[in-house]
Amino acid sequence: VGVLGLGEMGRTVALRLVRDGYRVMGWSTRAAPVAGVHTGAG
């Protein structure tokens, strides 16, 4: 599952999906590390 936008809502969503067992990728315009999520920018 890919989550675009890692603001407050995006991080909360990404962490919920990680807890549910999904492989989660995240992207934002600036680097925004989230525990358990493979994140990137650019």
PDB file of all heavy atoms in Angstrom:
ATOM      1  N   VAL A   1       0.856  -1.192   0.000  1.00  0.00           N
ATOM      2  CA  VAL A   1       0.000   0.000   0.000  1.00  0.00           C
ATOM      3  C   VAL A   1       0.887   1.236   0.000  1.00  0.00           C
ATOM      4  O   VAL A   1       1.824   1.336   0.789  1.00  0.00           O
ATOM      5  CB  VAL A   1      -0.932   0.031   1.230  1.00  0.00           C
ATOM      6  CG1 VAL A   1      -1.847   1.246   1.170  1.00  0.00           C
ATOM      7  CG2 VAL A   1      -1.744  -1.256   1.324  1.00  0.00           C
ATOM      8  N   GLY A   2       0.583   2.179  -0.882  1.00  0.00           N
ATOM      9  CA  GLY A   2       1.313   3.440  -0.928  1.00  0.00           C
ATOM     10  C   GLY A   2       0.469   4.562  -0.368  1.00  0.00           C
ATOM     11  O   GLY A   2      -0.717   4.681  -0.691  1.00  0.00           O
ATOM     12  N   VAL A   3       1.057   5.383   0.498  1.00  0.00           N
ATOM     13  CA  VAL A   3       0.376   6.533   1.082  1.00  0.00           C
ATOM     14  C   VAL A   3       1.065   7.794   0.590  1.00  0.00           C
ATOM     15  O   VAL A   3       2.259   7.995   0.841  1.00  0.00           O
ATOM     16  CB  VAL A   3       0.404   6.485   2.628  1.00  0.00           C
ATOM     17  CG1 VAL A   3      -0.273   7.725   3.210  1.00  0.00           C
ATOM     18  CG2 VAL A   3      -0.274   5.215   3.136  1.00  0.00           C
ATOM     19  N   LEU A   4       0.332   8.629  -0.132  1.00  0.00           N
ATOM     20  CA  LEU A   4       0.868   9.896  -0.634  1.00  0.00           C
ATOM     21  C   LEU A   4       0.454  11.015   0.315  1.00  0.00           C
ATOM     22  O   LEU A   4      -0.727  11.261   0.519  1.00  0.00           O
ATOM     23  CB  LEU A   4       0.324  10.185  -2.037  1.00  0.00           C
ATOM     24  CG  LEU A   4       0.615   9.134  -3.113  1.00  0.00           C
ATOM     25  CD1 LEU A   4       0.055   9.601  -4.450  1.00  0.00           C
ATOM     26  CD2 LEU A   4       2.097   8.852  -3.226  1.00  0.00           C
ATOM     27  N   GLY A   5       1.448  11.689   0.882  1.00  0.00           N
ATOM     28  CA  GLY A   5       1.185  12.728   1.870  1.00  0.00           C
ATOM     29  C   GLY A   5       1.425  12.179   3.257  1.00  0.00           C
ATOM     30  O   GLY A   5       0.683  11.302   3.717  1.00  0.00           O
ATOM     31  N   LEU A   6       2.484  12.629   3.913  1.00  0.00           N
ATOM     32  CA  LEU A   6       2.843  12.110   5.232  1.00  0.00           C
ATOM     33  C   LEU A   6       2.759  13.201   6.293  1.00  0.00           C
ATOM     34  O   LEU A   6       3.632  13.320   7.156  1.00  0.00           O
ATOM     35  CB  LEU A   6       4.242  11.485   5.189  1.00  0.00           C
ATOM     36  CG  LEU A   6       4.366  10.247   4.294  1.00  0.00           C
ATOM     37  CD1 LEU A   6       5.810   9.786   4.212  1.00  0.00           C
ATOM     38  CD2 LEU A   6       3.464   9.117   4.785  1.00  0.00           C
ATOM     39  N   GLY A   7       1.701  13.992   6.211  1.00  0.00           N
ATOM     40  CA  GLY A   7       1.398  14.921   7.276  1.00  0.00           C
ATOM     41  C   GLY A   7       0.799  14.159   8.452  1.00  0.00           C
ATOM     42  O   GLY A   7       0.947  12.940   8.558  1.00  0.00           O
ATOM     43  N   GLU A   8       0.094  14.864   9.318  1.00  0.00           N
ATOM     44  CA  GLU A   8      -0.475  14.221  10.499  1.00  0.00           C
ATOM     45  C   GLU A   8      -1.418  13.071  10.116  1.00  0.00           C
ATOM     46  O   GLU A   8      -1.338  11.971  10.665  1.00  0.00           O
ATOM     47  CB  GLU A   8      -1.225  15.255  11.346  1.00  0.00           C
ATOM     48  CG  GLU A   8      -0.364  16.363  11.906  1.00  0.00           C
ATOM     49  CD  GLU A   8       0.483  15.914  13.075  1.00  0.00           C
ATOM     50  OE1 GLU A   8       0.186  14.846  13.652  1.00  0.00           O
ATOM     51  OE2 GLU A   8       1.439  16.628  13.416  1.00  0.00           O
ATOM     52  N   MET A   9      -2.309  13.328   9.155  1.00  0.00           N
ATOM     53  CA  MET A   9      -3.244  12.272   8.749  1.00  0.00           C
ATOM     54  C   MET A   9      -2.519  11.137   8.043  1.00  0.00           C
ATOM     55  O   MET A   9      -2.780   9.958   8.303  1.00  0.00           O
ATOM     56  CB  MET A   9      -4.326  12.852   7.838  1.00  0.00           C
ATOM     57  CG  MET A   9      -5.434  13.557   8.559  1.00  0.00           C
ATOM     58  SD  MET A   9      -6.784  13.996   7.432  1.00  0.00           S
ATOM     59  CE  MET A   9      -7.938  14.716   8.602  1.00  0.00           C
ATOM     60  N   GLY A  10      -1.605  11.478   7.132  1.00  0.00           N
ATOM     61  CA  GLY A  10      -0.900  10.455   6.377  1.00  0.00           C
ATOM     62  C   GLY A  10      -0.090   9.536   7.268  1.00  0.00           C
ATOM     63  O   GLY A  10      -0.087   8.306   7.081  1.00  0.00           O
ATOM     64  N   ARG A  11       0.586  10.118   8.262  1.00  0.00           N
ATOM     65  CA  ARG A  11       1.359   9.291   9.184  1.00  0.00           C
ATOM     66  C   ARG A  11       0.452   8.379  10.003  1.00  0.00           C
ATOM     67  O   ARG A  11       0.767   7.196  10.219  1.00  0.00           O
ATOM     68  CB  ARG A  11       2.190  10.173  10.117  1.00  0.00           C
ATOM     69  CG  ARG A  11       3.377  10.820   9.434  1.00  0.00           C
ATOM     70  CD  ARG A  11       4.385  11.337  10.451  1.00  0.00           C
ATOM     71  NE  ARG A  11       3.842  12.402  11.276  1.00  0.00           N
ATOM     72  CZ  ARG A  11       3.873  13.687  10.934  1.00  0.00           C
ATOM     73  NH1 ARG A  11       4.409  14.051   9.767  1.00  0.00           N
ATOM     74  NH2 ARG A  11       3.375  14.612  11.730  1.00  0.00           N
ATOM     75  N   THR A  12      -0.674   8.911  10.452  1.00  0.00           N
ATOM     76  CA  THR A  12      -1.601   8.098  11.233  1.00  0.00           C
ATOM     77  C   THR A  12      -2.128   6.938  10.399  1.00  0.00           C
ATOM     78  O   THR A  12      -2.224   5.796  10.875  1.00  0.00           O
ATOM     79  CB  THR A  12      -2.773   8.952  11.745  1.00  0.00           C
ATOM     80  OG1 THR A  12      -2.258  10.054  12.499  1.00  0.00           O
ATOM     81  CG2 THR A  12      -3.700   8.143  12.635  1.00  0.00           C
ATOM     82  N   VAL A  13      -2.469   7.213   9.142  1.00  0.00           N
ATOM     83  CA  VAL A  13      -2.959   6.165   8.241  1.00  0.00           C
ATOM     84  C   VAL A  13      -1.868   5.123   7.994  1.00  0.00           C
ATOM     85  O   VAL A  13      -2.112   3.905   8.074  1.00  0.00           O
ATOM     86  CB  VAL A  13      -3.433   6.776   6.913  1.00  0.00           C
ATOM     87  CG1 VAL A  13      -3.611   5.700   5.838  1.00  0.00           C
ATOM     88  CG2 VAL A  13      -4.731   7.543   7.116  1.00  0.00           C
ATOM     89  N   ALA A  14      -0.656   5.573   7.688  1.00  0.00           N
ATOM     90  CA  ALA A  14       0.435   4.649   7.393  1.00  0.00           C
ATOM     91  C   ALA A  14       0.719   3.733   8.583  1.00  0.00           C
ATOM     92  O   ALA A  14       0.893   2.508   8.423  1.00  0.00           O
ATOM     93  CB  ALA A  14       1.685   5.425   6.997  1.00  0.00           C
ATOM     94  N   LEU A  15       0.750   4.299   9.787  1.00  0.00           N
ATOM     95  CA  LEU A  15       1.032   3.493  10.977  1.00  0.00           C
ATOM     96  C   LEU A  15      -0.089   2.496  11.251  1.00  0.00           C
ATOM     97  O   LEU A  15       0.169   1.360  11.680  1.00  0.00           O
ATOM     98  CB  LEU A  15       1.238   4.415  12.178  1.00  0.00           C
ATOM     99  CG  LEU A  15       2.543   5.226  12.163  1.00  0.00           C
ATOM    100  CD1 LEU A  15       2.531   6.286  13.253  1.00  0.00           C
ATOM    101  CD2 LEU A  15       3.750   4.297  12.317  1.00  0.00           C
ATOM    102  N   ARG A  16      -1.340   2.894  11.000  1.00  0.00           N
ATOM    103  CA  ARG A  16      -2.466   1.964  11.177  1.00  0.00           C
ATOM    104  C   ARG A  16      -2.325   0.777  10.227  1.00  0.00           C
ATOM    105  O   ARG A  16      -2.522  -0.387  10.614  1.00  0.00           O
ATOM    106  CB  ARG A  16      -3.782   2.702  10.936  1.00  0.00           C
ATOM    107  CG  ARG A  16      -5.023   1.818  10.787  1.00  0.00           C
ATOM    108  CD  ARG A  16      -5.369   1.073  12.071  1.00  0.00           C
ATOM    109  NE  ARG A  16      -6.518   0.219  11.882  1.00  0.00           N
ATOM    110  CZ  ARG A  16      -7.790   0.567  12.192  1.00  0.00           C
ATOM    111  NH1 ARG A  16      -8.039   1.769  12.700  1.00  0.00           N
ATOM    112  NH2 ARG A  16      -8.775  -0.271  11.998  1.00  0.00           N
ATOM    113  N   LEU A  17      -1.944   1.044   8.990  1.00  0.00           N
ATOM    114  CA  LEU A  17      -1.820  -0.034   8.006  1.00  0.00           C
ATOM    115  C   LEU A  17      -0.636  -0.944   8.327  1.00  0.00           C
ATOM    116  O   LEU A  17      -0.700  -2.155   8.101  1.00  0.00           O
ATOM    117  CB  LEU A  17      -1.683   0.559   6.609  1.00  0.00           C
ATOM    118  CG  LEU A  17      -2.920   1.324   6.116  1.00  0.00           C
ATOM    119  CD1 LEU A  17      -2.631   1.998   4.779  1.00  0.00           C
ATOM    120  CD2 LEU A  17      -4.134   0.404   6.000  1.00  0.00           C
ATOM    121  N   VAL A  18       0.434  -0.367   8.858  1.00  0.00           N
ATOM    122  CA  VAL A  18       1.562  -1.195   9.304  1.00  0.00           C
ATOM    123  C   VAL A  18       1.102  -2.132  10.412  1.00  0.00           C
ATOM    124  O   VAL A  18       1.431  -3.338  10.410  1.00  0.00           O
ATOM    125  CB  VAL A  18       2.730  -0.310   9.788  1.00  0.00           C
ATOM    126  CG1 VAL A  18       3.775  -1.140  10.535  1.00  0.00           C
ATOM    127  CG2 VAL A  18       3.374   0.405   8.615  1.00  0.00           C
ATOM    128  N   ARG A  19       0.345  -1.601  11.365  1.00  0.00           N
ATOM    129  CA  ARG A  19      -0.160  -2.458  12.451  1.00  0.00           C
ATOM    130  C   ARG A  19      -1.075  -3.556  11.931  1.00  0.00           C
ATOM    131  O   ARG A  19      -1.151  -4.645  12.509  1.00  0.00           O
ATOM    132  CB  ARG A  19      -0.907  -1.609  13.489  1.00  0.00           C
ATOM    133  CG  ARG A  19      -0.022  -0.706  14.315  1.00  0.00           C
ATOM    134  CD  ARG A  19      -0.737  -0.214  15.560  1.00  0.00           C
ATOM    135  NE  ARG A  19      -1.927   0.552  15.250  1.00  0.00           N
ATOM    136  CZ  ARG A  19      -1.940   1.865  15.055  1.00  0.00           C
ATOM    137  NH1 ARG A  19      -0.805   2.547  15.099  1.00  0.00           N
ATOM    138  NH2 ARG A  19      -3.070   2.485  14.790  1.00  0.00           N
ATOM    139  N   ASP A  20      -1.767  -3.276  10.833  1.00  0.00           N
ATOM    140  CA  ASP A  20      -2.654  -4.284  10.243  1.00  0.00           C
ATOM    141  C   ASP A  20      -1.898  -5.310   9.414  1.00  0.00           C
ATOM    142  O   ASP A  20      -2.508  -6.241   8.873  1.00  0.00           O
ATOM    143  CB  ASP A  20      -3.721  -3.606   9.371  1.00  0.00           C
ATOM    144  CG  ASP A  20      -4.749  -2.846  10.203  1.00  0.00           C
ATOM    145  OD1 ASP A  20      -4.798  -3.055  11.431  1.00  0.00           O
ATOM    146  OD2 ASP A  20      -5.498  -2.038   9.623  1.00  0.00           O
ATOM    147  N   GLY A  21      -0.587  -5.129   9.287  1.00  0.00           N
ATOM    148  CA  GLY A  21       0.241  -6.139   8.622  1.00  0.00           C
ATOM    149  C   GLY A  21       0.592  -5.873   7.184  1.00  0.00           C
ATOM    150  O   GLY A  21       1.235  -6.708   6.536  1.00  0.00           O
ATOM    151  N   TYR A  22       0.205  -4.711   6.630  1.00  0.00           N
ATOM    152  CA  TYR A  22       0.487  -4.416   5.228  1.00  0.00           C
ATOM    153  C   TYR A  22       1.922  -3.924   5.050  1.00  0.00           C
ATOM    154  O   TYR A  22       2.540  -3.384   5.981  1.00  0.00           O
ATOM    155  CB  TYR A  22      -0.493  -3.358   4.698  1.00  0.00           C
ATOM    156  CG  TYR A  22      -1.914  -3.857   4.640  1.00  0.00           C
ATOM    157  CD1 TYR A  22      -2.827  -3.550   5.648  1.00  0.00           C
ATOM    158  CD2 TYR A  22      -2.343  -4.654   3.584  1.00  0.00           C
ATOM    159  CE1 TYR A  22      -4.123  -4.030   5.614  1.00  0.00           C
ATOM    160  CE2 TYR A  22      -3.640  -5.139   3.537  1.00  0.00           C
ATOM    161  CZ  TYR A  22      -4.529  -4.827   4.557  1.00  0.00           C
ATOM    162  OH  TYR A  22      -5.811  -5.317   4.517  1.00  0.00           O
ATOM    163  N   ARG A  23       2.434  -4.115   3.859  1.00  0.00           N
ATOM    164  CA  ARG A  23       3.708  -3.506   3.467  1.00  0.00           C
ATOM    165  C   ARG A  23       3.393  -2.098   2.993  1.00  0.00           C
ATOM    166  O   ARG A  23       2.654  -1.927   2.008  1.00  0.00           O
ATOM    167  CB  ARG A  23       4.394  -4.318   2.366  1.00  0.00           C
ATOM    168  CG  ARG A  23       4.881  -5.672   2.838  1.00  0.00           C
ATOM    169  CD  ARG A  23       5.671  -6.392   1.768  1.00  0.00           C
ATOM    170  NE  ARG A  23       4.836  -6.828   0.660  1.00  0.00           N
ATOM    171  CZ  ARG A  23       4.918  -6.376  -0.589  1.00  0.00           C
ATOM    172  NH1 ARG A  23       5.807  -5.460  -0.909  1.00  0.00           N
ATOM    173  NH2 ARG A  23       4.116  -6.837  -1.520  1.00  0.00           N
ATOM    174  N   VAL A  24       3.905  -1.101   3.665  1.00  0.00           N
ATOM    175  CA  VAL A  24       3.498   0.279   3.414  1.00  0.00           C
ATOM    176  C   VAL A  24       4.673   1.098   2.906  1.00  0.00           C
ATOM    177  O   VAL A  24       5.765   1.074   3.477  1.00  0.00           O
ATOM    178  CB  VAL A  24       2.913   0.928   4.688  1.00  0.00           C
ATOM    179  CG1 VAL A  24       2.433   2.345   4.391  1.00  0.00           C
ATOM    180  CG2 VAL A  24       1.757   0.083   5.231  1.00  0.00           C
ATOM    181  N   MET A  25       4.422   1.823   1.817  1.00  0.00           N
ATOM    182  CA  MET A  25       5.350   2.807   1.298  1.00  0.00           C
ATOM    183  C   MET A  25       4.715   4.183   1.482  1.00  0.00           C
ATOM    184  O   MET A  25       3.490   4.323   1.405  1.00  0.00           O
ATOM    185  CB  MET A  25       5.642   2.566  -0.189  1.00  0.00           C
ATOM    186  CG  MET A  25       6.234   1.202  -0.499  1.00  0.00           C
ATOM    187  SD  MET A  25       6.452   0.947  -2.287  1.00  0.00           S
ATOM    188  CE  MET A  25       7.802   2.096  -2.636  1.00  0.00           C
ATOM    189  N   GLY A  26       5.535   5.184   1.730  1.00  0.00           N
ATOM    190  CA  GLY A  26       5.015   6.532   1.900  1.00  0.00           C
ATOM    191  C   GLY A  26       5.810   7.530   1.097  1.00  0.00           C
ATOM    192  O   GLY A  26       7.018   7.353   0.886  1.00  0.00           O
ATOM    193  N   TRP A  27       5.140   8.584   0.651  1.00  0.00           N
ATOM    194  CA  TRP A  27       5.817   9.617  -0.140  1.00  0.00           C
ATOM    195  C   TRP A  27       5.323  10.988   0.282  1.00  0.00           C
ATOM    196  O   TRP A  27       4.140  11.189   0.586  1.00  0.00           O
ATOM    197  CB  TRP A  27       5.533   9.427  -1.627  1.00  0.00           C
ATOM    198  CG  TRP A  27       6.247  10.436  -2.486  1.00  0.00           C
ATOM    199  CD1 TRP A  27       7.534  10.363  -2.946  1.00  0.00           C
ATOM    200  CD2 TRP A  27       5.720  11.674  -2.976  1.00  0.00           C
ATOM    201  NE1 TRP A  27       7.839  11.469  -3.692  1.00  0.00           N
ATOM    202  CE2 TRP A  27       6.755  12.302  -3.725  1.00  0.00           C
ATOM    203  CE3 TRP A  27       4.489  12.309  -2.840  1.00  0.00           C
ATOM    204  CZ2 TRP A  27       6.571  13.542  -4.344  1.00  0.00           C
ATOM    205  CZ3 TRP A  27       4.322  13.546  -3.450  1.00  0.00           C
ATOM    206  CH2 TRP A  27       5.352  14.148  -4.204  1.00  0.00           C
ATOM    207  N   SER A  28       6.238  11.934   0.299  1.00  0.00           N
ATOM    208  CA  SER A  28       5.904  13.328   0.561  1.00  0.00           C
ATOM    209  C   SER A  28       6.901  14.198  -0.179  1.00  0.00           C
ATOM    210  O   SER A  28       7.939  13.712  -0.669  1.00  0.00           O
ATOM    211  CB  SER A  28       5.943  13.627   2.067  1.00  0.00           C
ATOM    212  OG  SER A  28       7.196  13.272   2.608  1.00  0.00           O
ATOM    213  N   THR A  29       6.593  15.475  -0.286  1.00  0.00           N
ATOM    214  CA  THR A  29       7.485  16.366  -1.039  1.00  0.00           C
ATOM    215  C   THR A  29       8.796  16.591  -0.307  1.00  0.00           C
ATOM    216  O   THR A  29       9.808  16.897  -0.929  1.00  0.00           O
ATOM    217  CB  THR A  29       6.800  17.722  -1.283  1.00  0.00           C
ATOM    218  OG1 THR A  29       6.362  18.268  -0.026  1.00  0.00           O
ATOM    219  CG2 THR A  29       5.587  17.544  -2.202  1.00  0.00           C
ATOM    220  N   ARG A  30       8.776  16.430   1.010  1.00  0.00           N
ATOM    221  CA  ARG A  30       9.997  16.509   1.806  1.00  0.00           C
ATOM    222  C   ARG A  30      10.141  15.231   2.615  1.00  0.00           C
ATOM    223  O   ARG A  30       9.152  14.593   2.968  1.00  0.00           O
ATOM    224  CB  ARG A  30       9.947  17.717   2.752  1.00  0.00           C
ATOM    225  CG  ARG A  30       9.896  19.064   2.041  1.00  0.00           C
ATOM    226  CD  ARG A  30       9.907  20.189   3.056  1.00  0.00           C
ATOM    227  NE  ARG A  30       9.809  21.502   2.406  1.00  0.00           N
ATOM    228  CZ  ARG A  30       9.785  22.655   3.066  1.00  0.00           C
ATOM    229  NH1 ARG A  30       9.861  22.648   4.393  1.00  0.00           N
ATOM    230  NH2 ARG A  30       9.692  23.798   2.421  1.00  0.00           N
ATOM    231  N   ALA A  31      11.374  14.862   2.928  1.00  0.00           N
ATOM    232  CA  ALA A  31      11.619  13.638   3.688  1.00  0.00           C
ATOM    233  C   ALA A  31      10.831  13.657   4.991  1.00  0.00           C
ATOM    234  O   ALA A  31      10.857  14.637   5.728  1.00  0.00           O
ATOM    235  CB  ALA A  31      13.109  13.493   3.974  1.00  0.00           C
ATOM    236  N   ALA A  32      10.108  12.567   5.259  1.00  0.00           N
ATOM    237  CA  ALA A  32       9.278  12.464   6.459  1.00  0.00           C
ATOM    238  C   ALA A  32       9.296  11.018   6.945  1.00  0.00           C
ATOM    239  O   ALA A  32       8.388  10.242   6.637  1.00  0.00           O
ATOM    240  CB  ALA A  32       7.844  12.925   6.166  1.00  0.00           C
ATOM    241  N   PRO A  33      10.327  10.625   7.697  1.00  0.00           N
ATOM    242  CA  PRO A  33      10.429   9.235   8.156  1.00  0.00           C
ATOM    243  C   PRO A  33       9.246   8.825   9.032  1.00  0.00           C
ATOM    244  O   PRO A  33       8.759   9.611   9.844  1.00  0.00           O
ATOM    245  CB  PRO A  33      11.733   9.239   8.972  1.00  0.00           C
ATOM    246  CG  PRO A  33      12.495  10.431   8.501  1.00  0.00           C
ATOM    247  CD  PRO A  33      11.463  11.449   8.136  1.00  0.00           C
ATOM    248  N   VAL A  34       8.768   7.602   8.823  1.00  0.00           N
ATOM    249  CA  VAL A  34       7.687   7.027   9.620  1.00  0.00           C
ATOM    250  C   VAL A  34       8.104   5.610   9.983  1.00  0.00           C
ATOM    251  O   VAL A  34       8.460   4.826   9.097  1.00  0.00           O
ATOM    252  CB  VAL A  34       6.348   7.002   8.851  1.00  0.00           C
ATOM    253  CG1 VAL A  34       5.241   6.403   9.717  1.00  0.00           C
ATOM    254  CG2 VAL A  34       5.962   8.400   8.381  1.00  0.00           C
ATOM    255  N   ALA A  35       8.062   5.267  11.247  1.00  0.00           N
ATOM    256  CA  ALA A  35       8.515   3.956  11.704  1.00  0.00           C
ATOM    257  C   ALA A  35       7.774   2.829  10.988  1.00  0.00           C
ATOM    258  O   ALA A  35       6.541   2.826  10.939  1.00  0.00           O
ATOM    259  CB  ALA A  35       8.318   3.846  13.215  1.00  0.00           C
ATOM    260  N   GLY A  36       8.520   1.895  10.444  1.00  0.00           N
ATOM    261  CA  GLY A  36       7.928   0.740   9.786  1.00  0.00           C
ATOM    262  C   GLY A  36       7.466   0.977   8.367  1.00  0.00           C
ATOM    263  O   GLY A  36       6.921   0.067   7.731  1.00  0.00           O
ATOM    264  N   VAL A  37       7.670   2.211   7.854  1.00  0.00           N
ATOM    265  CA  VAL A  37       7.213   2.569   6.506  1.00  0.00           C
ATOM    266  C   VAL A  37       8.424   2.917   5.651  1.00  0.00           C
ATOM    267  O   VAL A  37       9.321   3.641   6.094  1.00  0.00           O
ATOM    268  CB  VAL A  37       6.247   3.778   6.554  1.00  0.00           C
ATOM    269  CG1 VAL A  37       5.803   4.174   5.149  1.00  0.00           C
ATOM    270  CG2 VAL A  37       5.048   3.456   7.436  1.00  0.00           C
ATOM    271  N   HIS A  38       8.449   2.389   4.440  1.00  0.00           N
ATOM    272  CA  HIS A  38       9.513   2.737   3.496  1.00  0.00           C
ATOM    273  C   HIS A  38       9.132   4.079   2.863  1.00  0.00           C
ATOM    274  O   HIS A  38       8.229   4.151   2.028  1.00  0.00           O
ATOM    275  CB  HIS A  38       9.649   1.660   2.419  1.00  0.00           C
ATOM    276  CG  HIS A  38      10.702   1.964   1.403  1.00  0.00           C
ATOM    277  ND1 HIS A  38      12.047   1.857   1.671  1.00  0.00           N
ATOM    278  CD2 HIS A  38      10.605   2.387   0.121  1.00  0.00           C
ATOM    279  CE1 HIS A  38      12.740   2.194   0.599  1.00  0.00           C
ATOM    280  NE2 HIS A  38      11.882   2.526  -0.356  1.00  0.00           N
ATOM    281  N   THR A  39       9.782   5.155   3.283  1.00  0.00           N
ATOM    282  CA  THR A  39       9.398   6.489   2.845  1.00  0.00           C
ATOM    283  C   THR A  39      10.405   7.063   1.857  1.00  0.00           C
ATOM    284  O   THR A  39      11.565   6.659   1.814  1.00  0.00           O
ATOM    285  CB  THR A  39       9.262   7.451   4.037  1.00  0.00           C
ATOM    286  OG1 THR A  39      10.533   7.563   4.696  1.00  0.00           O
ATOM    287  CG2 THR A  39       8.222   6.960   5.016  1.00  0.00           C
ATOM    288  N   GLY A  40       9.934   8.014   1.079  1.00  0.00           N
ATOM    289  CA  GLY A  40      10.796   8.690   0.123  1.00  0.00           C
ATOM    290  C   GLY A  40      10.219  10.029  -0.262  1.00  0.00           C
ATOM    291  O   GLY A  40       9.055  10.340   0.036  1.00  0.00           O
ATOM    292  N   ALA A  41      11.045  10.841  -0.891  1.00  0.00           N
ATOM    293  CA  ALA A  41      10.631  12.152  -1.380  1.00  0.00           C
ATOM    294  C   ALA A  41      11.256  12.351  -2.751  1.00  0.00           C
ATOM    295  O   ALA A  41      12.251  11.719  -3.089  1.00  0.00           O
ATOM    296  CB  ALA A  41      11.065  13.254  -0.424  1.00  0.00           C
ATOM    297  N   GLY A  42      10.646  13.215  -3.538  1.00  0.00           N
ATOM    298  CA  GLY A  42      11.188  13.480  -4.866  1.00  0.00           C
ATOM    299  C   GLY A  42      10.551  12.604  -5.937  1.00  0.00           C
ATOM    300  O   GLY A  42       9.851  11.627  -5.649  1.00  0.00           O
TER     301      GLY A  42
END
